[in-house]
Amino acid sequence: DVNFDRMRQHFTSYVPLAAIIGAVVLAEMAL
C-alpha cells in the first residue's frame, strides 16, 4: 500500500543524484 502521489512530491530532489549516476553509466558504456 504505497502512496505514490506522496513519493512524486519529492521527485525533483532525486534529479541531481540520478544525473550523476546516469553520467557514470554513460561514461562506462563509452569506455
Full PDB file with SEQRES, HELIX, SHEET, SSBOND, CRYST1, ORIGX, SCALE, CONECT and MASTER records, all heavy atoms in Angstrom:
SEQRES   1 A   31  ASP VAL ASN PHE ASP ARG MET ARG GLN HIS PHE THR SER          
SEQRES   2 A   31  TYR VAL PRO LEU ALA ALA ILE ILE GLY ALA VAL VAL LEU          
SEQRES   3 A   31  ALA GLU MET ALA LEU                                          
HELIX    1 AA1 PHE A    4  GLN A    9  1                                   6    
HELIX    2 AA2 PHE A   11  TYR A   14  5                                   4    
HELIX    3 AA3 VAL A   15  ALA A   30  1                                  16    
CRYST1    1.000    1.000    1.000  90.00  90.00  90.00 P 1           1          
ORIGX1      1.000000  0.000000  0.000000        0.00000                         
ORIGX2      0.000000  1.000000  0.000000        0.00000                         
ORIGX3      0.000000  0.000000  1.000000        0.00000                         
SCALE1      1.000000  0.000000  0.000000        0.00000                         
SCALE2      0.000000  1.000000  0.000000        0.00000                         
SCALE3      0.000000  0.000000  1.000000        0.00000                         
ATOM      1  N   ASP A   1       0.854  -1.180   0.000  1.00  0.00           N  
ATOM      2  CA  ASP A   1       0.000   0.000   0.000  1.00  0.00           C  
ATOM      3  C   ASP A   1       0.894   1.236   0.000  1.00  0.00           C  
ATOM      4  O   ASP A   1       1.083   1.889   1.025  1.00  0.00           O  
ATOM      5  CB  ASP A   1      -0.926  -0.028   1.213  1.00  0.00           C  
ATOM      6  CG  ASP A   1      -1.976   1.057   1.136  1.00  0.00           C  
ATOM      7  OD1 ASP A   1      -2.166   1.620   0.036  1.00  0.00           O  
ATOM      8  OD2 ASP A   1      -2.605   1.347   2.169  1.00  0.00           O  
ATOM      9  N   VAL A   2       1.474   1.532  -1.162  1.00  0.00           N  
ATOM     10  CA  VAL A   2       2.409   2.647  -1.274  1.00  0.00           C  
ATOM     11  C   VAL A   2       1.676   3.857  -1.843  1.00  0.00           C  
ATOM     12  O   VAL A   2       0.965   3.744  -2.851  1.00  0.00           O  
ATOM     13  CB  VAL A   2       3.600   2.276  -2.182  1.00  0.00           C  
ATOM     14  CG1 VAL A   2       4.549   3.442  -2.323  1.00  0.00           C  
ATOM     15  CG2 VAL A   2       4.324   1.067  -1.626  1.00  0.00           C  
ATOM     16  N   ASN A   3       1.840   4.996  -1.201  1.00  0.00           N  
ATOM     17  CA  ASN A   3       1.246   6.236  -1.683  1.00  0.00           C  
ATOM     18  C   ASN A   3       2.206   6.875  -2.678  1.00  0.00           C  
ATOM     19  O   ASN A   3       3.144   7.576  -2.302  1.00  0.00           O  
ATOM     20  CB  ASN A   3       0.967   7.172  -0.500  1.00  0.00           C  
ATOM     21  CG  ASN A   3       0.132   8.361  -0.915  1.00  0.00           C  
ATOM     22  OD1 ASN A   3      -0.225   8.507  -2.095  1.00  0.00           O  
ATOM     23  ND2 ASN A   3      -0.201   9.211   0.035  1.00  0.00           N  
ATOM     24  N   PHE A   4       1.971   6.604  -3.974  1.00  0.00           N  
ATOM     25  CA  PHE A   4       2.880   7.097  -4.995  1.00  0.00           C  
ATOM     26  C   PHE A   4       2.757   8.605  -5.191  1.00  0.00           C  
ATOM     27  O   PHE A   4       3.705   9.242  -5.640  1.00  0.00           O  
ATOM     28  CB  PHE A   4       2.622   6.377  -6.319  1.00  0.00           C  
ATOM     29  CG  PHE A   4       3.027   4.925  -6.283  1.00  0.00           C  
ATOM     30  CD1 PHE A   4       2.078   3.936  -6.119  1.00  0.00           C  
ATOM     31  CD2 PHE A   4       4.353   4.564  -6.403  1.00  0.00           C  
ATOM     32  CE1 PHE A   4       2.450   2.606  -6.087  1.00  0.00           C  
ATOM     33  CE2 PHE A   4       4.740   3.237  -6.368  1.00  0.00           C  
ATOM     34  CZ  PHE A   4       3.781   2.261  -6.206  1.00  0.00           C  
ATOM     35  N   ASP A   5       1.613   9.179  -4.877  1.00  0.00           N  
ATOM     36  CA  ASP A   5       1.473  10.637  -5.004  1.00  0.00           C  
ATOM     37  C   ASP A   5       2.399  11.360  -4.033  1.00  0.00           C  
ATOM     38  O   ASP A   5       2.992  12.390  -4.367  1.00  0.00           O  
ATOM     39  CB  ASP A   5       0.016  11.042  -4.747  1.00  0.00           C  
ATOM     40  CG  ASP A   5      -0.910  10.518  -5.825  1.00  0.00           C  
ATOM     41  OD1 ASP A   5      -0.443  10.375  -6.980  1.00  0.00           O  
ATOM     42  OD2 ASP A   5      -2.081  10.245  -5.528  1.00  0.00           O  
ATOM     43  N   ARG A   6       2.523  10.825  -2.831  1.00  0.00           N  
ATOM     44  CA  ARG A   6       3.428  11.435  -1.859  1.00  0.00           C  
ATOM     45  C   ARG A   6       4.882  11.261  -2.289  1.00  0.00           C  
ATOM     46  O   ARG A   6       5.717  12.144  -2.073  1.00  0.00           O  
ATOM     47  CB  ARG A   6       3.220  10.788  -0.493  1.00  0.00           C  
ATOM     48  CG  ARG A   6       4.049  11.402   0.610  1.00  0.00           C  
ATOM     49  CD  ARG A   6       3.779  10.724   1.924  1.00  0.00           C  
ATOM     50  NE  ARG A   6       2.391  10.869   2.322  1.00  0.00           N  
ATOM     51  CZ  ARG A   6       1.850  10.266   3.391  1.00  0.00           C  
ATOM     52  NH1 ARG A   6       2.596   9.482   4.147  1.00  0.00           N  
ATOM     53  NH2 ARG A   6       0.580  10.443   3.691  1.00  0.00           N  
ATOM     54  N   MET A   7       5.218  10.133  -2.933  1.00  0.00           N  
ATOM     55  CA  MET A   7       6.587   9.929  -3.406  1.00  0.00           C  
ATOM     56  C   MET A   7       6.923  10.868  -4.561  1.00  0.00           C  
ATOM     57  O   MET A   7       8.056  11.305  -4.707  1.00  0.00           O  
ATOM     58  CB  MET A   7       6.775   8.475  -3.837  1.00  0.00           C  
ATOM     59  CG  MET A   7       6.700   7.477  -2.701  1.00  0.00           C  
ATOM     60  SD  MET A   7       6.800   5.776  -3.280  1.00  0.00           S  
ATOM     61  CE  MET A   7       8.411   5.777  -4.038  1.00  0.00           C  
ATOM     62  N   ARG A   8       5.924  11.179  -5.394  1.00  0.00           N  
ATOM     63  CA  ARG A   8       6.187  12.049  -6.542  1.00  0.00           C  
ATOM     64  C   ARG A   8       6.387  13.509  -6.128  1.00  0.00           C  
ATOM     65  O   ARG A   8       6.892  14.304  -6.911  1.00  0.00           O  
ATOM     66  CB  ARG A   8       5.033  11.954  -7.543  1.00  0.00           C  
ATOM     67  CG  ARG A   8       4.962  10.625  -8.265  1.00  0.00           C  
ATOM     68  CD  ARG A   8       3.987  10.673  -9.418  1.00  0.00           C  
ATOM     69  NE  ARG A   8       3.738   9.345  -9.941  1.00  0.00           N  
ATOM     70  CZ  ARG A   8       2.684   8.598  -9.638  1.00  0.00           C  
ATOM     71  NH1 ARG A   8       1.778   9.061  -8.798  1.00  0.00           N  
ATOM     72  NH2 ARG A   8       2.537   7.395 -10.148  1.00  0.00           N  
ATOM     73  N   GLN A   9       5.961  13.864  -4.917  1.00  0.00           N  
ATOM     74  CA  GLN A   9       6.139  15.245  -4.477  1.00  0.00           C  
ATOM     75  C   GLN A   9       7.618  15.605  -4.342  1.00  0.00           C  
ATOM     76  O   GLN A   9       8.006  16.739  -4.562  1.00  0.00           O  
ATOM     77  CB  GLN A   9       5.424  15.450  -3.139  1.00  0.00           C  
ATOM     78  CG  GLN A   9       3.907  15.390  -3.251  1.00  0.00           C  
ATOM     79  CD  GLN A   9       3.239  15.509  -1.902  1.00  0.00           C  
ATOM     80  OE1 GLN A   9       3.910  15.584  -0.870  1.00  0.00           O  
ATOM     81  NE2 GLN A   9       1.911  15.518  -1.888  1.00  0.00           N  
ATOM     82  N   HIS A  10       8.461  14.638  -3.976  1.00  0.00           N  
ATOM     83  CA  HIS A  10       9.891  14.874  -3.795  1.00  0.00           C  
ATOM     84  C   HIS A  10      10.696  14.332  -4.968  1.00  0.00           C  
ATOM     85  O   HIS A  10      11.865  13.969  -4.806  1.00  0.00           O  
ATOM     86  CB  HIS A  10      10.368  14.228  -2.492  1.00  0.00           C  
ATOM     87  CG  HIS A  10       9.572  14.654  -1.292  1.00  0.00           C  
ATOM     88  ND1 HIS A  10       9.654  15.921  -0.757  1.00  0.00           N  
ATOM     89  CD2 HIS A  10       8.663  13.997  -0.538  1.00  0.00           C  
ATOM     90  CE1 HIS A  10       8.843  16.017   0.284  1.00  0.00           C  
ATOM     91  NE2 HIS A  10       8.229  14.865   0.433  1.00  0.00           N  
ATOM     92  N   PHE A  11      10.060  14.236  -6.141  1.00  0.00           N  
ATOM     93  CA  PHE A  11      10.736  13.659  -7.300  1.00  0.00           C  
ATOM     94  C   PHE A  11      11.915  14.506  -7.749  1.00  0.00           C  
ATOM     95  O   PHE A  11      12.962  13.983  -8.136  1.00  0.00           O  
ATOM     96  CB  PHE A  11       9.732  13.491  -8.445  1.00  0.00           C  
ATOM     97  CG  PHE A  11      10.335  12.938  -9.698  1.00  0.00           C  
ATOM     98  CD1 PHE A  11      10.661  11.598  -9.793  1.00  0.00           C  
ATOM     99  CD2 PHE A  11      10.586  13.760 -10.788  1.00  0.00           C  
ATOM    100  CE1 PHE A  11      11.225  11.083 -10.940  1.00  0.00           C  
ATOM    101  CE2 PHE A  11      11.148  13.255 -11.938  1.00  0.00           C  
ATOM    102  CZ  PHE A  11      11.470  11.917 -12.018  1.00  0.00           C  
ATOM    103  N   THR A  12      11.774  15.823  -7.684  1.00  0.00           N  
ATOM    104  CA  THR A  12      12.852  16.698  -8.161  1.00  0.00           C  
ATOM    105  C   THR A  12      14.096  16.636  -7.283  1.00  0.00           C  
ATOM    106  O   THR A  12      15.185  16.974  -7.738  1.00  0.00           O  
ATOM    107  CB  THR A  12      12.348  18.149  -8.234  1.00  0.00           C  
ATOM    108  OG1 THR A  12      11.835  18.531  -6.938  1.00  0.00           O  
ATOM    109  CG2 THR A  12      11.257  18.294  -9.276  1.00  0.00           C  
ATOM    110  N   SER A  13      13.956  16.196  -6.040  1.00  0.00           N  
ATOM    111  CA  SER A  13      15.129  16.111  -5.171  1.00  0.00           C  
ATOM    112  C   SER A  13      16.066  14.979  -5.587  1.00  0.00           C  
ATOM    113  O   SER A  13      17.244  14.979  -5.206  1.00  0.00           O  
ATOM    114  CB  SER A  13      14.704  15.912  -3.714  1.00  0.00           C  
ATOM    115  OG  SER A  13      13.999  14.692  -3.573  1.00  0.00           O  
ATOM    116  N   TYR A  14      15.555  14.009  -6.375  1.00  0.00           N  
ATOM    117  CA  TYR A  14      16.385  12.889  -6.817  1.00  0.00           C  
ATOM    118  C   TYR A  14      17.105  13.175  -8.138  1.00  0.00           C  
ATOM    119  O   TYR A  14      17.912  12.356  -8.579  1.00  0.00           O  
ATOM    120  CB  TYR A  14      15.546  11.621  -6.988  1.00  0.00           C  
ATOM    121  CG  TYR A  14      14.856  11.175  -5.726  1.00  0.00           C  
ATOM    122  CD1 TYR A  14      13.473  11.144  -5.646  1.00  0.00           C  
ATOM    123  CD2 TYR A  14      15.588  10.776  -4.611  1.00  0.00           C  
ATOM    124  CE1 TYR A  14      12.830  10.732  -4.496  1.00  0.00           C  
ATOM    125  CE2 TYR A  14      14.957  10.369  -3.453  1.00  0.00           C  
ATOM    126  CZ  TYR A  14      13.576  10.346  -3.399  1.00  0.00           C  
ATOM    127  OH  TYR A  14      12.959   9.947  -2.264  1.00  0.00           O  
ATOM    128  N   VAL A  15      16.795  14.289  -8.787  1.00  0.00           N  
ATOM    129  CA  VAL A  15      17.347  14.567 -10.119  1.00  0.00           C  
ATOM    130  C   VAL A  15      18.872  14.707 -10.096  1.00  0.00           C  
ATOM    131  O   VAL A  15      19.557  14.137 -10.966  1.00  0.00           O  
ATOM    132  CB  VAL A  15      16.663  15.811 -10.725  1.00  0.00           C  
ATOM    133  CG1 VAL A  15      17.354  16.234 -12.010  1.00  0.00           C  
ATOM    134  CG2 VAL A  15      15.197  15.523 -10.992  1.00  0.00           C  
ATOM    135  N   PRO A  16      19.494  15.422  -9.143  1.00  0.00           N  
ATOM    136  CA  PRO A  16      20.970  15.517  -9.183  1.00  0.00           C  
ATOM    137  C   PRO A  16      21.669  14.163  -9.045  1.00  0.00           C  
ATOM    138  O   PRO A  16      22.595  13.857  -9.800  1.00  0.00           O  
ATOM    139  CB  PRO A  16      21.296  16.432  -7.995  1.00  0.00           C  
ATOM    140  CG  PRO A  16      20.053  17.209  -7.757  1.00  0.00           C  
ATOM    141  CD  PRO A  16      18.925  16.295  -8.095  1.00  0.00           C  
ATOM    142  N   LEU A  17      21.201  13.338  -8.104  1.00  0.00           N  
ATOM    143  CA  LEU A  17      21.813  12.018  -7.937  1.00  0.00           C  
ATOM    144  C   LEU A  17      21.585  11.149  -9.168  1.00  0.00           C  
ATOM    145  O   LEU A  17      22.504  10.431  -9.617  1.00  0.00           O  
ATOM    146  CB  LEU A  17      21.247  11.336  -6.684  1.00  0.00           C  
ATOM    147  CG  LEU A  17      21.783   9.937  -6.374  1.00  0.00           C  
ATOM    148  CD1 LEU A  17      23.285   9.997  -6.135  1.00  0.00           C  
ATOM    149  CD2 LEU A  17      21.060   9.337  -5.193  1.00  0.00           C  
ATOM    150  N   ALA A  18      20.391  11.221  -9.747  1.00  0.00           N  
ATOM    151  CA  ALA A  18      20.104  10.446 -10.957  1.00  0.00           C  
ATOM    152  C   ALA A  18      20.973  10.908 -12.122  1.00  0.00           C  
ATOM    153  O   ALA A  18      21.438  10.090 -12.928  1.00  0.00           O  
ATOM    154  CB  ALA A  18      18.623  10.566 -11.321  1.00  0.00           C  
ATOM    155  N   ALA A  19      21.218  12.211 -12.226  1.00  0.00           N  
ATOM    156  CA  ALA A  19      22.081  12.721 -13.296  1.00  0.00           C  
ATOM    157  C   ALA A  19      23.518  12.249 -13.128  1.00  0.00           C  
ATOM    158  O   ALA A  19      24.181  11.883 -14.104  1.00  0.00           O  
ATOM    159  CB  ALA A  19      22.022  14.249 -13.316  1.00  0.00           C  
ATOM    160  N   ILE A  20      24.012  12.215 -11.882  1.00  0.00           N  
ATOM    161  CA  ILE A  20      25.377  11.735 -11.644  1.00  0.00           C  
ATOM    162  C   ILE A  20      25.497  10.259 -12.010  1.00  0.00           C  
ATOM    163  O   ILE A  20      26.450   9.836 -12.693  1.00  0.00           O  
ATOM    164  CB  ILE A  20      25.776  11.983 -10.176  1.00  0.00           C  
ATOM    165  CG1 ILE A  20      25.868  13.485  -9.901  1.00  0.00           C  
ATOM    166  CG2 ILE A  20      27.089  11.287  -9.838  1.00  0.00           C  
ATOM    167  CD1 ILE A  20      26.059  13.824  -8.444  1.00  0.00           C  
ATOM    168  N   ILE A  21      24.536   9.451 -11.553  1.00  0.00           N  
ATOM    169  CA  ILE A  21      24.582   8.013 -11.859  1.00  0.00           C  
ATOM    170  C   ILE A  21      24.461   7.774 -13.359  1.00  0.00           C  
ATOM    171  O   ILE A  21      25.161   6.933 -13.934  1.00  0.00           O  
ATOM    172  CB  ILE A  21      23.472   7.275 -11.081  1.00  0.00           C  
ATOM    173  CG1 ILE A  21      23.754   7.354  -9.581  1.00  0.00           C  
ATOM    174  CG2 ILE A  21      23.366   5.825 -11.522  1.00  0.00           C  
ATOM    175  CD1 ILE A  21      22.659   6.790  -8.726  1.00  0.00           C  
ATOM    176  N   GLY A  22      23.588   8.532 -14.027  1.00  0.00           N  
ATOM    177  CA  GLY A  22      23.460   8.397 -15.476  1.00  0.00           C  
ATOM    178  C   GLY A  22      24.729   8.769 -16.208  1.00  0.00           C  
ATOM    179  O   GLY A  22      25.122   8.104 -17.186  1.00  0.00           O  
ATOM    180  N   ALA A  23      25.411   9.807 -15.735  1.00  0.00           N  
ATOM    181  CA  ALA A  23      26.675  10.200 -16.367  1.00  0.00           C  
ATOM    182  C   ALA A  23      27.749   9.136 -16.170  1.00  0.00           C  
ATOM    183  O   ALA A  23      28.520   8.842 -17.097  1.00  0.00           O  
ATOM    184  CB  ALA A  23      27.148  11.537 -15.786  1.00  0.00           C  
ATOM    185  N   VAL A  24      27.784   8.519 -14.989  1.00  0.00           N  
ATOM    186  CA  VAL A  24      28.760   7.450 -14.748  1.00  0.00           C  
ATOM    187  C   VAL A  24      28.482   6.250 -15.650  1.00  0.00           C  
ATOM    188  O   VAL A  24      29.408   5.662 -16.242  1.00  0.00           O  
ATOM    189  CB  VAL A  24      28.747   7.039 -13.256  1.00  0.00           C  
ATOM    190  CG1 VAL A  24      29.568   5.781 -13.032  1.00  0.00           C  
ATOM    191  CG2 VAL A  24      29.265   8.177 -12.399  1.00  0.00           C  
ATOM    192  N   VAL A  25      27.199   5.879 -15.784  1.00  0.00           N  
ATOM    193  CA  VAL A  25      26.840   4.745 -16.653  1.00  0.00           C  
ATOM    194  C   VAL A  25      27.199   5.044 -18.099  1.00  0.00           C  
ATOM    195  O   VAL A  25      27.745   4.188 -18.818  1.00  0.00           O  
ATOM    196  CB  VAL A  25      25.343   4.416 -16.494  1.00  0.00           C  
ATOM    197  CG1 VAL A  25      24.897   3.411 -17.541  1.00  0.00           C  
ATOM    198  CG2 VAL A  25      25.064   3.876 -15.112  1.00  0.00           C  
ATOM    199  N   LEU A  26      26.911   6.264 -18.572  1.00  0.00           N  
ATOM    200  CA  LEU A  26      27.265   6.633 -19.941  1.00  0.00           C  
ATOM    201  C   LEU A  26      28.771   6.627 -20.163  1.00  0.00           C  
ATOM    202  O   LEU A  26      29.256   6.196 -21.223  1.00  0.00           O  
ATOM    203  CB  LEU A  26      26.689   8.009 -20.277  1.00  0.00           C  
ATOM    204  CG  LEU A  26      25.184   8.057 -20.562  1.00  0.00           C  
ATOM    205  CD1 LEU A  26      24.740   9.487 -20.794  1.00  0.00           C  
ATOM    206  CD2 LEU A  26      24.831   7.191 -21.759  1.00  0.00           C  
ATOM    207  N   ALA A  27      29.535   7.074 -19.163  1.00  0.00           N  
ATOM    208  CA  ALA A  27      30.996   7.056 -19.290  1.00  0.00           C  
ATOM    209  C   ALA A  27      31.522   5.626 -19.368  1.00  0.00           C  
ATOM    210  O   ALA A  27      32.411   5.322 -20.177  1.00  0.00           O  
ATOM    211  CB  ALA A  27      31.626   7.795 -18.108  1.00  0.00           C  
ATOM    212  N   GLU A  28      30.966   4.746 -18.543  1.00  0.00           N  
ATOM    213  CA  GLU A  28      31.391   3.344 -18.594  1.00  0.00           C  
ATOM    214  C   GLU A  28      31.064   2.720 -19.945  1.00  0.00           C  
ATOM    215  O   GLU A  28      31.889   1.994 -20.526  1.00  0.00           O  
ATOM    216  CB  GLU A  28      30.730   2.556 -17.466  1.00  0.00           C  
ATOM    217  CG  GLU A  28      31.238   2.911 -16.086  1.00  0.00           C  
ATOM    218  CD  GLU A  28      30.500   2.172 -15.003  1.00  0.00           C  
ATOM    219  OE1 GLU A  28      29.491   1.504 -15.327  1.00  0.00           O  
ATOM    220  OE2 GLU A  28      30.924   2.237 -13.837  1.00  0.00           O  
ATOM    221  N   MET A  29      29.855   2.987 -20.465  1.00  0.00           N  
ATOM    222  CA  MET A  29      29.487   2.446 -21.769  1.00  0.00           C  
ATOM    223  C   MET A  29      30.376   3.013 -22.871  1.00  0.00           C  
ATOM    224  O   MET A  29      30.776   2.282 -23.797  1.00  0.00           O  
ATOM    225  CB  MET A  29      28.010   2.739 -22.062  1.00  0.00           C  
ATOM    226  CG  MET A  29      27.050   1.973 -21.176  1.00  0.00           C  
ATOM    227  SD  MET A  29      25.326   2.420 -21.455  1.00  0.00           S  
ATOM    228  CE  MET A  29      25.107   1.899 -23.125  1.00  0.00           C  
ATOM    229  N   ALA A  30      30.713   4.292 -22.783  1.00  0.00           N  
ATOM    230  CA  ALA A  30      31.588   4.893 -23.794  1.00  0.00           C  
ATOM    231  C   ALA A  30      32.979   4.274 -23.747  1.00  0.00           C  
ATOM    232  O   ALA A  30      33.589   4.006 -24.795  1.00  0.00           O  
ATOM    233  CB  ALA A  30      31.668   6.404 -23.573  1.00  0.00           C  
ATOM    234  N   LEU A  31      33.488   4.001 -22.529  1.00  0.00           N  
ATOM    235  CA  LEU A  31      34.792   3.350 -22.416  1.00  0.00           C  
ATOM    236  C   LEU A  31      34.782   1.950 -23.014  1.00  0.00           C  
ATOM    237  O   LEU A  31      35.723   1.540 -23.710  1.00  0.00           O  
ATOM    238  CB  LEU A  31      35.224   3.298 -20.947  1.00  0.00           C  
ATOM    239  CG  LEU A  31      35.677   4.611 -20.319  1.00  0.00           C  
ATOM    240  CD1 LEU A  31      35.931   4.426 -18.831  1.00  0.00           C  
ATOM    241  CD2 LEU A  31      36.925   5.116 -21.013  1.00  0.00           C  
TER     242      LEU A  31                                                      
MASTER        0    0    0    3    0    0    0    6  241    1    0    3          
END                                                                             
